[in-house]
Amino acid sequence: MPQATKSFVEVPRTGRYFRLNSVQPMTKNIWVVFHGYGQLAEYFIKHFEELDADENVIIAVEGLSRFYVDGLTGRVGASWMTKDDRELEVKDQSNYINAVLADCGVDPKDENVNLIVLGFSQGTATAIRWMVNNGIRPKQLVMWAGSFPHDVDAAKYADIFKGLSMHYAYGDEDQFLKDVDMDEKLEEMKKTGMEIQTWTFEGKHVMDKPTLAKIVNSF
């Protein structure tokens, strides 16, 4: 029997993103936010609507793979990647995110930019892979109910992670963390060299606006 061969081609692809506010002289913070599995940037960005519009620009990127969440029709969600050809998926994501920031007129490596990166759930790993692949160290990193990607060796990227201000937030009833020893998880993440502050709230696997406000006030 003949064996099928696998090949790859690069194709043009149109990605979308959503933004709150635009960069102005009084802008203090540029947020790049990553939604979780099955979510869309259009709705995820609503969690940030109460941030001061004069001081904050929020850029919500979106996974390039969209699908019907329940069955063959109805609500649509997006995913960042799967295990198949993951290295190429990561590369495509990185190119897309960089293109989004360029479209917004934002240079994430500009030391005058107060860059805040926030990832929720699956979005945390995507955010960190993007940072590593592009040598980006934000002023603040917010990991919300997600995990540090297992394929990133933080020790090799001390210039990014050592001393990085990281905020870890999660709900005390998070259904995806109920079997996780959070003390052990946080101790493991401390080995990355990041300076971690933990935020908990009453709730499940969701974003929580009052907790987000507390984190912002701590910057």
N, C-alpha and C. Protein backbone atom coordinates (compact mmCIF):
# COMPACT_ATOMS: atom_id res chain seq x y z
N MET A 1 0.85 -1.20 0.00
CA MET A 1 0.00 0.00 0.00
C MET A 1 0.88 1.25 0.00
N PRO A 2 0.59 2.21 -0.87
CA PRO A 2 1.36 3.45 -0.85
C PRO A 2 1.08 4.24 0.42
N GLN A 3 2.09 4.94 0.91
CA GLN A 3 1.96 5.74 2.12
C GLN A 3 1.76 7.20 1.76
N ALA A 4 0.76 7.82 2.38
CA ALA A 4 0.51 9.24 2.14
C ALA A 4 1.62 10.08 2.76
N THR A 5 1.99 11.12 2.11
CA THR A 5 2.99 12.03 2.64
C THR A 5 2.30 13.31 3.10
N LYS A 6 2.86 13.89 4.14
CA LYS A 6 2.30 15.14 4.68
C LYS A 6 3.15 16.31 4.23
N SER A 7 2.50 17.34 3.72
CA SER A 7 3.20 18.54 3.28
C SER A 7 2.48 19.76 3.84
N PHE A 8 3.15 20.90 3.78
CA PHE A 8 2.57 22.13 4.31
C PHE A 8 2.72 23.26 3.30
N VAL A 9 1.76 24.14 3.26
CA VAL A 9 1.85 25.36 2.46
C VAL A 9 1.41 26.53 3.34
N GLU A 10 2.05 27.68 3.14
CA GLU A 10 1.62 28.88 3.84
C GLU A 10 0.57 29.58 2.99
N VAL A 11 -0.51 30.00 3.66
CA VAL A 11 -1.59 30.67 2.93
C VAL A 11 -1.92 32.00 3.63
N PRO A 12 -2.41 32.98 2.88
CA PRO A 12 -2.89 34.21 3.52
C PRO A 12 -4.10 33.87 4.40
N ARG A 13 -4.18 34.52 5.52
CA ARG A 13 -5.29 34.24 6.43
C ARG A 13 -5.76 35.55 7.07
N THR A 14 -7.05 35.76 7.14
CA THR A 14 -7.60 36.96 7.76
C THR A 14 -8.01 36.65 9.19
N GLY A 15 -7.36 37.30 10.13
CA GLY A 15 -7.70 37.15 11.53
C GLY A 15 -8.38 38.41 12.02
N ARG A 16 -9.19 38.29 13.05
CA ARG A 16 -9.86 39.46 13.59
C ARG A 16 -9.45 39.69 15.04
N TYR A 17 -9.70 40.88 15.50
CA TYR A 17 -9.46 41.22 16.90
C TYR A 17 -10.41 42.33 17.29
N PHE A 18 -10.51 42.58 18.59
CA PHE A 18 -11.38 43.64 19.08
C PHE A 18 -10.57 44.55 19.99
N ARG A 19 -10.94 45.83 19.99
CA ARG A 19 -10.17 46.80 20.76
C ARG A 19 -11.10 47.76 21.48
N LEU A 20 -10.73 48.10 22.69
CA LEU A 20 -11.40 49.15 23.44
C LEU A 20 -10.46 50.34 23.52
N ASN A 21 -10.91 51.49 23.04
CA ASN A 21 -10.15 52.74 23.11
C ASN A 21 -9.00 52.73 22.11
N SER A 22 -8.37 53.85 21.96
CA SER A 22 -7.23 53.99 21.05
C SER A 22 -6.09 54.68 21.78
N VAL A 23 -4.89 54.50 21.27
CA VAL A 23 -3.72 55.06 21.93
C VAL A 23 -3.75 56.58 21.82
N GLN A 24 -3.68 57.25 22.96
CA GLN A 24 -3.70 58.69 23.05
C GLN A 24 -2.54 59.15 23.94
N PRO A 25 -2.21 60.44 23.93
CA PRO A 25 -1.11 60.92 24.78
C PRO A 25 -1.28 60.57 26.26
N MET A 26 -2.54 60.49 26.72
CA MET A 26 -2.77 60.20 28.14
C MET A 26 -2.84 58.70 28.44
N THR A 27 -2.73 57.86 27.43
CA THR A 27 -2.78 56.42 27.64
C THR A 27 -1.63 55.96 28.52
N LYS A 28 -1.96 55.16 29.53
CA LYS A 28 -0.94 54.64 30.45
C LYS A 28 -0.65 53.16 30.21
N ASN A 29 -1.71 52.40 29.94
CA ASN A 29 -1.57 50.95 29.86
C ASN A 29 -2.07 50.40 28.53
N ILE A 30 -1.27 49.51 27.94
CA ILE A 30 -1.70 48.75 26.77
C ILE A 30 -1.89 47.31 27.20
N TRP A 31 -3.11 46.83 27.13
CA TRP A 31 -3.43 45.45 27.49
C TRP A 31 -3.52 44.60 26.22
N VAL A 32 -2.91 43.41 26.28
CA VAL A 32 -3.14 42.39 25.26
C VAL A 32 -3.76 41.22 25.99
N VAL A 33 -5.00 40.88 25.65
CA VAL A 33 -5.73 39.88 26.43
C VAL A 33 -6.11 38.69 25.56
N PHE A 34 -5.99 37.50 26.15
CA PHE A 34 -6.18 36.22 25.45
C PHE A 34 -7.34 35.46 26.09
N HIS A 35 -8.37 35.18 25.32
CA HIS A 35 -9.53 34.46 25.83
C HIS A 35 -9.22 32.98 26.08
N GLY A 36 -10.18 32.30 26.67
CA GLY A 36 -10.04 30.87 26.93
C GLY A 36 -10.67 30.02 25.83
N TYR A 37 -10.58 28.72 26.00
CA TYR A 37 -11.10 27.77 25.01
C TYR A 37 -12.61 27.95 24.81
N GLY A 38 -13.02 28.01 23.55
CA GLY A 38 -14.44 28.09 23.24
C GLY A 38 -15.04 29.48 23.39
N GLN A 39 -14.20 30.48 23.66
CA GLN A 39 -14.69 31.85 23.80
C GLN A 39 -14.38 32.65 22.55
N LEU A 40 -14.88 33.87 22.50
CA LEU A 40 -14.60 34.79 21.40
C LEU A 40 -14.14 36.13 21.97
N ALA A 41 -13.25 36.79 21.25
CA ALA A 41 -12.72 38.07 21.71
C ALA A 41 -13.82 39.11 21.84
N GLU A 42 -14.82 39.04 20.98
CA GLU A 42 -15.92 40.00 20.99
C GLU A 42 -16.59 40.09 22.35
N TYR A 43 -16.72 38.96 23.02
CA TYR A 43 -17.37 38.92 24.32
C TYR A 43 -16.36 38.99 25.46
N PHE A 44 -15.19 38.41 25.26
CA PHE A 44 -14.17 38.42 26.30
C PHE A 44 -13.75 39.85 26.66
N ILE A 45 -13.71 40.72 25.67
CA ILE A 45 -13.25 42.08 25.90
C ILE A 45 -14.21 42.86 26.79
N LYS A 46 -15.45 42.40 26.92
CA LYS A 46 -16.42 43.10 27.76
C LYS A 46 -16.02 43.10 29.23
N HIS A 47 -15.18 42.15 29.62
CA HIS A 47 -14.72 42.12 31.02
C HIS A 47 -13.87 43.34 31.37
N PHE A 48 -13.43 44.07 30.36
CA PHE A 48 -12.51 45.18 30.59
C PHE A 48 -13.16 46.54 30.33
N GLU A 49 -14.47 46.55 30.12
CA GLU A 49 -15.16 47.77 29.77
C GLU A 49 -15.14 48.81 30.88
N GLU A 50 -14.99 48.39 32.12
CA GLU A 50 -15.04 49.33 33.24
C GLU A 50 -13.68 49.95 33.57
N LEU A 51 -12.63 49.54 32.86
CA LEU A 51 -11.33 50.17 33.08
C LEU A 51 -11.36 51.59 32.52
N ASP A 52 -10.62 52.47 33.15
CA ASP A 52 -10.57 53.88 32.75
C ASP A 52 -10.21 53.99 31.27
N ALA A 53 -11.14 54.52 30.47
CA ALA A 53 -10.94 54.60 29.03
C ALA A 53 -9.83 55.55 28.64
N ASP A 54 -9.56 56.54 29.48
CA ASP A 54 -8.50 57.50 29.17
C ASP A 54 -7.11 56.91 29.37
N GLU A 55 -7.03 55.93 30.27
CA GLU A 55 -5.72 55.40 30.64
C GLU A 55 -5.42 54.02 30.06
N ASN A 56 -6.45 53.31 29.60
CA ASN A 56 -6.26 51.93 29.18
C ASN A 56 -6.74 51.66 27.76
N VAL A 57 -5.89 51.00 27.00
CA VAL A 57 -6.26 50.47 25.68
C VAL A 57 -6.23 48.95 25.80
N ILE A 58 -7.32 48.31 25.44
CA ILE A 58 -7.40 46.85 25.55
C ILE A 58 -7.51 46.26 24.15
N ILE A 59 -6.59 45.35 23.85
CA ILE A 59 -6.58 44.66 22.56
C ILE A 59 -6.86 43.18 22.83
N ALA A 60 -8.00 42.72 22.35
CA ALA A 60 -8.40 41.32 22.56
C ALA A 60 -8.14 40.53 21.29
N VAL A 61 -7.16 39.66 21.34
CA VAL A 61 -6.86 38.80 20.19
C VAL A 61 -7.75 37.56 20.25
N GLU A 62 -7.82 36.82 19.15
CA GLU A 62 -8.74 35.69 19.08
C GLU A 62 -8.09 34.50 18.39
N GLY A 63 -8.36 33.31 18.92
CA GLY A 63 -7.86 32.09 18.31
C GLY A 63 -8.30 31.99 16.86
N LEU A 64 -7.41 31.50 16.01
CA LEU A 64 -7.70 31.46 14.57
C LEU A 64 -8.63 30.31 14.17
N SER A 65 -8.86 29.38 15.08
CA SER A 65 -9.73 28.23 14.76
C SER A 65 -11.08 28.39 15.46
N ARG A 66 -12.13 28.64 14.69
CA ARG A 66 -13.47 28.78 15.25
C ARG A 66 -14.29 27.51 14.97
N PHE A 67 -15.24 27.26 15.84
CA PHE A 67 -16.05 26.04 15.71
C PHE A 67 -17.38 26.23 16.43
N TYR A 68 -18.34 25.37 16.12
CA TYR A 68 -19.61 25.37 16.84
C TYR A 68 -19.39 24.66 18.18
N VAL A 69 -19.71 25.36 19.25
CA VAL A 69 -19.44 24.82 20.59
C VAL A 69 -20.32 23.62 20.90
N ASP A 70 -21.59 23.68 20.50
CA ASP A 70 -22.53 22.59 20.79
C ASP A 70 -23.12 22.07 19.48
N GLY A 71 -22.62 20.94 19.00
CA GLY A 71 -23.19 20.34 17.81
C GLY A 71 -22.75 20.99 16.52
N LEU A 72 -23.67 21.09 15.57
CA LEU A 72 -23.34 21.55 14.22
C LEU A 72 -23.86 22.94 13.91
N THR A 73 -24.42 23.61 14.90
CA THR A 73 -24.92 24.97 14.70
C THR A 73 -25.02 25.66 16.05
N GLY A 74 -25.38 26.93 16.03
CA GLY A 74 -25.55 27.65 17.29
C GLY A 74 -24.33 28.47 17.67
N ARG A 75 -24.02 28.49 18.97
CA ARG A 75 -22.96 29.35 19.49
C ARG A 75 -21.60 28.96 18.93
N VAL A 76 -20.82 29.97 18.55
CA VAL A 76 -19.50 29.76 17.99
C VAL A 76 -18.44 30.13 19.03
N GLY A 77 -17.39 29.33 19.08
CA GLY A 77 -16.26 29.63 19.96
C GLY A 77 -14.97 29.51 19.17
N ALA A 78 -13.86 29.84 19.81
CA ALA A 78 -12.57 29.76 19.15
C ALA A 78 -11.58 29.01 20.03
N SER A 79 -10.61 28.39 19.39
CA SER A 79 -9.56 27.67 20.09
C SER A 79 -8.21 28.18 19.60
N TRP A 80 -7.23 28.16 20.51
CA TRP A 80 -5.90 28.63 20.13
C TRP A 80 -5.11 27.56 19.39
N MET A 81 -5.20 26.33 19.83
CA MET A 81 -4.42 25.30 19.16
C MET A 81 -4.82 23.92 19.65
N THR A 82 -4.35 22.89 18.94
CA THR A 82 -4.47 21.52 19.38
C THR A 82 -3.06 20.92 19.36
N LYS A 83 -2.96 19.64 19.60
CA LYS A 83 -1.65 18.98 19.61
C LYS A 83 -1.13 18.73 18.19
N ASP A 84 -2.01 18.76 17.18
CA ASP A 84 -1.58 18.47 15.81
C ASP A 84 -0.74 19.62 15.24
N ASP A 85 0.45 19.28 14.78
CA ASP A 85 1.34 20.27 14.15
C ASP A 85 1.43 21.53 15.00
N ARG A 86 1.63 21.32 16.29
CA ARG A 86 1.55 22.41 17.25
C ARG A 86 2.60 23.49 17.02
N GLU A 87 3.79 23.09 16.56
CA GLU A 87 4.84 24.10 16.34
C GLU A 87 4.41 25.11 15.28
N LEU A 88 3.76 24.63 14.23
CA LEU A 88 3.28 25.53 13.19
C LEU A 88 2.11 26.38 13.69
N GLU A 89 1.27 25.79 14.53
CA GLU A 89 0.16 26.55 15.12
C GLU A 89 0.71 27.71 15.94
N VAL A 90 1.74 27.43 16.75
CA VAL A 90 2.34 28.46 17.60
C VAL A 90 2.94 29.57 16.74
N LYS A 91 3.60 29.18 15.66
CA LYS A 91 4.19 30.17 14.75
C LYS A 91 3.12 31.04 14.12
N ASP A 92 2.03 30.41 13.66
CA ASP A 92 0.94 31.17 13.04
C ASP A 92 0.31 32.14 14.04
N GLN A 93 0.12 31.66 15.26
CA GLN A 93 -0.44 32.52 16.30
C GLN A 93 0.44 33.74 16.52
N SER A 94 1.73 33.50 16.62
CA SER A 94 2.68 34.58 16.88
C SER A 94 2.64 35.62 15.77
N ASN A 95 2.64 35.15 14.52
CA ASN A 95 2.58 36.07 13.39
C ASN A 95 1.30 36.90 13.42
N TYR A 96 0.20 36.24 13.77
CA TYR A 96 -1.09 36.93 13.83
C TYR A 96 -1.09 37.99 14.93
N ILE A 97 -0.63 37.64 16.12
CA ILE A 97 -0.63 38.59 17.25
C ILE A 97 0.26 39.79 16.95
N ASN A 98 1.41 39.52 16.35
CA ASN A 98 2.30 40.63 15.98
C ASN A 98 1.65 41.55 14.96
N ALA A 99 0.91 40.96 14.02
CA ALA A 99 0.22 41.75 13.01
C ALA A 99 -0.88 42.62 13.64
N VAL A 100 -1.57 42.06 14.63
CA VAL A 100 -2.61 42.82 15.33
C VAL A 100 -2.00 44.04 16.02
N LEU A 101 -0.90 43.85 16.74
CA LEU A 101 -0.29 44.97 17.44
C LEU A 101 0.24 46.02 16.47
N ALA A 102 0.78 45.57 15.36
CA ALA A 102 1.25 46.51 14.35
C ALA A 102 0.07 47.32 13.81
N ASP A 103 -1.06 46.66 13.63
CA ASP A 103 -2.26 47.33 13.13
C ASP A 103 -2.75 48.39 14.12
N CYS A 104 -2.49 48.16 15.40
CA CYS A 104 -2.89 49.10 16.46
C CYS A 104 -1.83 50.16 16.71
N GLY A 105 -0.69 50.05 16.03
CA GLY A 105 0.38 51.01 16.24
C GLY A 105 1.11 50.81 17.55
N VAL A 106 1.17 49.57 18.02
CA VAL A 106 1.81 49.27 19.30
C VAL A 106 3.06 48.44 19.08
N ASP A 107 4.16 48.89 19.67
CA ASP A 107 5.41 48.12 19.66
C ASP A 107 5.57 47.50 21.05
N PRO A 108 5.35 46.19 21.19
CA PRO A 108 5.40 45.58 22.52
C PRO A 108 6.78 45.59 23.16
N LYS A 109 7.81 45.90 22.39
CA LYS A 109 9.16 45.95 22.94
C LYS A 109 9.59 47.37 23.32
N ASP A 110 8.73 48.33 23.08
CA ASP A 110 9.01 49.72 23.44
C ASP A 110 9.01 49.85 24.95
N GLU A 111 10.13 50.24 25.53
CA GLU A 111 10.24 50.34 26.98
C GLU A 111 9.34 51.43 27.56
N ASN A 112 8.86 52.32 26.71
CA ASN A 112 7.96 53.37 27.18
C ASN A 112 6.51 52.90 27.22
N VAL A 113 6.27 51.70 26.71
CA VAL A 113 4.92 51.14 26.71
C VAL A 113 4.71 50.33 27.98
N ASN A 114 3.67 50.67 28.73
CA ASN A 114 3.34 49.90 29.94
C ASN A 114 2.45 48.73 29.50
N LEU A 115 3.11 47.65 29.06
CA LEU A 115 2.40 46.52 28.49
C LEU A 115 1.93 45.56 29.57
N ILE A 116 0.65 45.24 29.51
CA ILE A 116 0.05 44.27 30.43
C ILE A 116 -0.50 43.12 29.60
N VAL A 117 -0.07 41.91 29.89
CA VAL A 117 -0.54 40.72 29.18
C VAL A 117 -1.41 39.91 30.11
N LEU A 118 -2.61 39.58 29.67
CA LEU A 118 -3.53 38.77 30.48
C LEU A 118 -4.02 37.58 29.66
N GLY A 119 -3.90 36.41 30.24
CA GLY A 119 -4.41 35.21 29.61
C GLY A 119 -5.39 34.51 30.53
N PHE A 120 -6.53 34.09 29.98
CA PHE A 120 -7.51 33.34 30.75
C PHE A 120 -7.51 31.89 30.28
N SER A 121 -7.38 30.95 31.21
CA SER A 121 -7.47 29.53 30.91
C SER A 121 -6.49 29.13 29.80
N GLN A 122 -6.99 28.60 28.68
CA GLN A 122 -6.12 28.19 27.58
C GLN A 122 -5.28 29.36 27.07
N GLY A 123 -5.79 30.57 27.22
CA GLY A 123 -5.09 31.75 26.74
C GLY A 123 -3.80 32.05 27.48
N THR A 124 -3.63 31.51 28.70
CA THR A 124 -2.40 31.79 29.44
C THR A 124 -1.19 31.19 28.72
N ALA A 125 -1.31 29.95 28.29
CA ALA A 125 -0.19 29.29 27.61
C ALA A 125 0.12 29.98 26.28
N THR A 126 -0.92 30.39 25.57
CA THR A 126 -0.72 31.10 24.30
C THR A 126 0.02 32.40 24.52
N ALA A 127 -0.38 33.13 25.55
CA ALA A 127 0.26 34.41 25.85
C ALA A 127 1.74 34.23 26.16
N ILE A 128 2.06 33.23 26.96
CA ILE A 128 3.44 33.01 27.36
C ILE A 128 4.29 32.54 26.19
N ARG A 129 3.73 31.67 25.35
CA ARG A 129 4.48 31.23 24.16
C ARG A 129 4.77 32.41 23.25
N TRP A 130 3.81 33.30 23.11
CA TRP A 130 4.03 34.49 22.28
C TRP A 130 5.14 35.36 22.87
N MET A 131 5.12 35.55 24.18
CA MET A 131 6.16 36.34 24.84
C MET A 131 7.55 35.74 24.58
N VAL A 132 7.65 34.43 24.77
CA VAL A 132 8.93 33.75 24.62
C VAL A 132 9.42 33.79 23.17
N ASN A 133 8.53 33.53 22.24
CA ASN A 133 8.93 33.47 20.83
C ASN A 133 9.31 34.83 20.25
N ASN A 134 8.95 35.90 20.96
CA ASN A 134 9.23 37.24 20.46
C ASN A 134 10.09 38.07 21.41
N GLY A 135 10.56 37.44 22.48
CA GLY A 135 11.42 38.15 23.42
C GLY A 135 10.73 39.33 24.09
N ILE A 136 9.48 39.13 24.50
CA ILE A 136 8.68 40.22 25.07
C ILE A 136 8.53 40.03 26.58
N ARG A 137 8.90 41.06 27.31
CA ARG A 137 8.72 41.06 28.77
C ARG A 137 7.75 42.19 29.13
N PRO A 138 6.51 41.84 29.48
CA PRO A 138 5.54 42.89 29.84
C PRO A 138 5.85 43.48 31.21
N LYS A 139 5.21 44.59 31.49
CA LYS A 139 5.36 45.18 32.83
C LYS A 139 4.60 44.34 33.86
N GLN A 140 3.47 43.78 33.42
CA GLN A 140 2.64 42.94 34.29
C GLN A 140 2.12 41.76 33.48
N LEU A 141 2.11 40.59 34.11
CA LEU A 141 1.52 39.40 33.51
C LEU A 141 0.42 38.91 34.43
N VAL A 142 -0.78 38.71 33.87
CA VAL A 142 -1.90 38.18 34.65
C VAL A 142 -2.26 36.82 34.08
N MET A 143 -2.11 35.79 34.89
CA MET A 143 -2.52 34.44 34.51
C MET A 143 -3.80 34.11 35.28
N TRP A 144 -4.88 33.87 34.53
CA TRP A 144 -6.17 33.68 35.17
C TRP A 144 -6.63 32.24 34.94
N ALA A 145 -6.58 31.46 36.01
CA ALA A 145 -7.08 30.07 35.99
C ALA A 145 -6.47 29.25 34.86
N GLY A 146 -5.19 29.48 34.59
CA GLY A 146 -4.50 28.73 33.55
C GLY A 146 -3.19 28.17 34.06
N SER A 147 -2.39 27.65 33.15
CA SER A 147 -1.13 27.01 33.53
C SER A 147 0.03 27.54 32.71
N PHE A 148 1.20 27.47 33.29
CA PHE A 148 2.42 27.79 32.57
C PHE A 148 2.66 26.65 31.57
N PRO A 149 2.91 26.95 30.30
CA PRO A 149 3.04 25.87 29.30
C PRO A 149 4.22 24.95 29.60
N HIS A 150 3.99 23.66 29.51
CA HIS A 150 5.00 22.66 29.86
C HIS A 150 6.17 22.66 28.88
N ASP A 151 5.96 23.21 27.68
CA ASP A 151 7.02 23.18 26.69
C ASP A 151 7.93 24.41 26.74
N VAL A 152 7.72 25.28 27.71
CA VAL A 152 8.56 26.47 27.87
C VAL A 152 9.44 26.28 29.11
N ASP A 153 10.75 26.31 28.90
CA ASP A 153 11.70 26.20 29.99
C ASP A 153 12.02 27.61 30.46
N ALA A 154 11.42 28.02 31.56
CA ALA A 154 11.57 29.39 32.04
C ALA A 154 13.02 29.74 32.32
N ALA A 155 13.82 28.74 32.72
CA ALA A 155 15.23 29.00 33.04
C ALA A 155 16.00 29.51 31.83
N LYS A 156 15.56 29.14 30.63
CA LYS A 156 16.23 29.58 29.41
C LYS A 156 15.84 31.01 29.04
N TYR A 157 14.80 31.51 29.69
CA TYR A 157 14.29 32.84 29.37
C TYR A 157 14.24 33.72 30.61
N ALA A 158 15.34 33.69 31.37
CA ALA A 158 15.40 34.47 32.61
C ALA A 158 15.22 35.95 32.34
N ASP A 159 15.64 36.40 31.15
CA ASP A 159 15.49 37.82 30.83
C ASP A 159 14.02 38.22 30.73
N ILE A 160 13.14 37.24 30.53
CA ILE A 160 11.71 37.51 30.49
C ILE A 160 11.06 37.28 31.85
N PHE A 161 11.38 36.15 32.49
CA PHE A 161 10.62 35.74 33.67
C PHE A 161 11.23 36.11 35.02
N LYS A 162 12.53 36.24 35.10
CA LYS A 162 13.12 36.53 36.41
C LYS A 162 12.67 37.88 36.92
N GLY A 163 11.99 37.86 38.06
CA GLY A 163 11.51 39.08 38.68
C GLY A 163 10.27 39.68 38.03
N LEU A 164 9.71 38.99 37.03
CA LEU A 164 8.52 39.50 36.36
C LEU A 164 7.33 39.53 37.33
N SER A 165 6.61 40.64 37.34
CA SER A 165 5.44 40.78 38.20
C SER A 165 4.28 40.00 37.59
N MET A 166 3.90 38.92 38.26
CA MET A 166 2.83 38.06 37.77
C MET A 166 1.71 37.96 38.80
N HIS A 167 0.48 38.06 38.31
CA HIS A 167 -0.70 37.95 39.16
C HIS A 167 -1.46 36.70 38.75
N TYR A 168 -1.69 35.82 39.72
CA TYR A 168 -2.43 34.59 39.42
C TYR A 168 -3.80 34.66 40.09
N ALA A 169 -4.87 34.58 39.28
CA ALA A 169 -6.23 34.69 39.80
C ALA A 169 -7.03 33.44 39.48
N TYR A 170 -7.88 33.04 40.42
CA TYR A 170 -8.75 31.88 40.17
C TYR A 170 -9.90 31.88 41.18
N GLY A 171 -10.99 31.23 40.78
CA GLY A 171 -12.15 31.11 41.65
C GLY A 171 -12.01 29.92 42.58
N ASP A 172 -12.54 30.08 43.80
CA ASP A 172 -12.40 28.99 44.78
C ASP A 172 -13.29 27.79 44.47
N GLU A 173 -14.18 27.92 43.46
CA GLU A 173 -15.01 26.81 43.03
C GLU A 173 -14.75 26.45 41.57
N ASP A 174 -13.57 26.78 41.08
CA ASP A 174 -13.22 26.50 39.70
C ASP A 174 -13.29 25.00 39.44
N GLN A 175 -14.19 24.60 38.55
CA GLN A 175 -14.41 23.18 38.28
C GLN A 175 -13.22 22.50 37.62
N PHE A 176 -12.35 23.28 36.98
CA PHE A 176 -11.19 22.71 36.31
C PHE A 176 -9.97 22.64 37.22
N LEU A 177 -10.09 23.21 38.40
CA LEU A 177 -8.98 23.20 39.34
C LEU A 177 -9.32 22.43 40.63
N LYS A 178 -10.50 21.80 40.66
CA LYS A 178 -10.94 21.16 41.89
C LYS A 178 -10.04 20.01 42.32
N ASP A 179 -9.37 19.37 41.36
CA ASP A 179 -8.48 18.26 41.69
C ASP A 179 -7.01 18.68 41.69
N VAL A 180 -6.78 19.99 41.66
CA VAL A 180 -5.42 20.52 41.61
C VAL A 180 -5.03 21.05 42.98
N ASP A 181 -3.85 20.67 43.43
CA ASP A 181 -3.30 21.22 44.67
C ASP A 181 -2.75 22.60 44.32
N MET A 182 -3.50 23.65 44.64
CA MET A 182 -3.12 24.98 44.21
C MET A 182 -1.83 25.46 44.88
N ASP A 183 -1.61 25.07 46.12
CA ASP A 183 -0.36 25.45 46.78
C ASP A 183 0.84 24.86 46.03
N GLU A 184 0.69 23.60 45.64
CA GLU A 184 1.77 22.93 44.90
C GLU A 184 1.94 23.57 43.51
N LYS A 185 0.83 23.90 42.87
CA LYS A 185 0.86 24.51 41.55
C LYS A 185 1.57 25.86 41.59
N LEU A 186 1.25 26.65 42.60
CA LEU A 186 1.86 27.97 42.71
C LEU A 186 3.34 27.88 43.08
N GLU A 187 3.69 26.91 43.92
CA GLU A 187 5.10 26.72 44.26
C GLU A 187 5.90 26.33 43.03
N GLU A 188 5.29 25.52 42.16
CA GLU A 188 5.96 25.12 40.93
C GLU A 188 6.17 26.32 40.02
N MET A 189 5.17 27.18 39.96
CA MET A 189 5.30 28.35 39.10
C MET A 189 6.33 29.35 39.64
N LYS A 190 6.51 29.37 40.95
CA LYS A 190 7.51 30.27 41.52
C LYS A 190 8.92 29.92 41.04
N LYS A 191 9.11 28.67 40.62
CA LYS A 191 10.42 28.24 40.12
C LYS A 191 10.75 28.91 38.80
N THR A 192 9.76 29.54 38.16
CA THR A 192 10.02 30.26 36.92
C THR A 192 10.80 31.54 37.18
N GLY A 193 10.84 31.96 38.44
CA GLY A 193 11.53 33.20 38.79
C GLY A 193 10.61 34.40 38.87
N MET A 194 9.34 34.21 38.51
CA MET A 194 8.39 35.32 38.56
C MET A 194 8.02 35.66 40.00
N GLU A 195 7.71 36.91 40.24
CA GLU A 195 7.22 37.36 41.54
C GLU A 195 5.70 37.29 41.50
N ILE A 196 5.15 36.29 42.20
CA ILE A 196 3.74 35.96 42.05
C ILE A 196 2.90 36.51 43.20
N GLN A 197 1.81 37.15 42.81
CA GLN A 197 0.79 37.57 43.77
C GLN A 197 -0.49 36.83 43.43
N THR A 198 -1.11 36.23 44.42
CA THR A 198 -2.28 35.39 44.19
C THR A 198 -3.57 36.12 44.56
N TRP A 199 -4.58 35.93 43.71
CA TRP A 199 -5.89 36.54 43.93
C TRP A 199 -6.96 35.46 43.80
N THR A 200 -7.78 35.31 44.83
CA THR A 200 -8.87 34.34 44.77
C THR A 200 -10.21 35.06 44.96
N PHE A 201 -11.24 34.44 44.44
CA PHE A 201 -12.59 35.01 44.59
C PHE A 201 -13.59 33.87 44.67
N GLU A 202 -14.79 34.19 45.11
CA GLU A 202 -15.86 33.20 45.17
C GLU A 202 -16.45 33.03 43.77
N GLY A 203 -16.21 31.88 43.18
CA GLY A 203 -16.73 31.67 41.84
C GLY A 203 -16.08 30.49 41.15
N LYS A 204 -16.53 30.26 39.92
CA LYS A 204 -16.06 29.11 39.14
C LYS A 204 -15.01 29.54 38.12
N HIS A 205 -15.00 28.87 36.98
CA HIS A 205 -13.98 29.10 35.95
C HIS A 205 -14.40 30.29 35.10
N VAL A 206 -14.33 31.47 35.68
CA VAL A 206 -14.80 32.69 35.02
C VAL A 206 -13.87 33.85 35.37
N MET A 207 -13.99 34.91 34.57
CA MET A 207 -13.38 36.18 34.93
C MET A 207 -14.28 36.84 35.97
N ASP A 208 -13.69 37.63 36.84
CA ASP A 208 -14.44 38.29 37.91
C ASP A 208 -14.03 39.76 37.93
N LYS A 209 -14.96 40.65 37.59
CA LYS A 209 -14.63 42.07 37.45
C LYS A 209 -14.11 42.70 38.75
N PRO A 210 -14.72 42.43 39.92
CA PRO A 210 -14.18 43.02 41.14
C PRO A 210 -12.73 42.60 41.41
N THR A 211 -12.41 41.34 41.11
CA THR A 211 -11.03 40.87 41.30
C THR A 211 -10.10 41.54 40.30
N LEU A 212 -10.57 41.68 39.06
CA LEU A 212 -9.77 42.38 38.06
C LEU A 212 -9.47 43.80 38.51
N ALA A 213 -10.47 44.47 39.07
CA ALA A 213 -10.28 45.85 39.55
C ALA A 213 -9.22 45.90 40.65
N LYS A 214 -9.22 44.90 41.54
CA LYS A 214 -8.24 44.86 42.62
C LYS A 214 -6.84 44.68 42.05
N ILE A 215 -6.72 43.83 41.06
CA ILE A 215 -5.42 43.60 40.44
C ILE A 215 -4.91 44.88 39.79
N VAL A 216 -5.79 45.56 39.07
CA VAL A 216 -5.40 46.80 38.41
C VAL A 216 -4.94 47.84 39.43
N ASN A 217 -5.64 47.93 40.53
CA ASN A 217 -5.30 48.90 41.57
C ASN A 217 -3.96 48.58 42.25
N SER A 218 -3.50 47.34 42.10
CA SER A 218 -2.25 46.95 42.74
C SER A 218 -1.02 47.26 41.87
N PHE A 219 -1.25 47.61 40.62
CA PHE A 219 -0.13 47.86 39.73
C PHE A 219 0.67 49.08 40.20
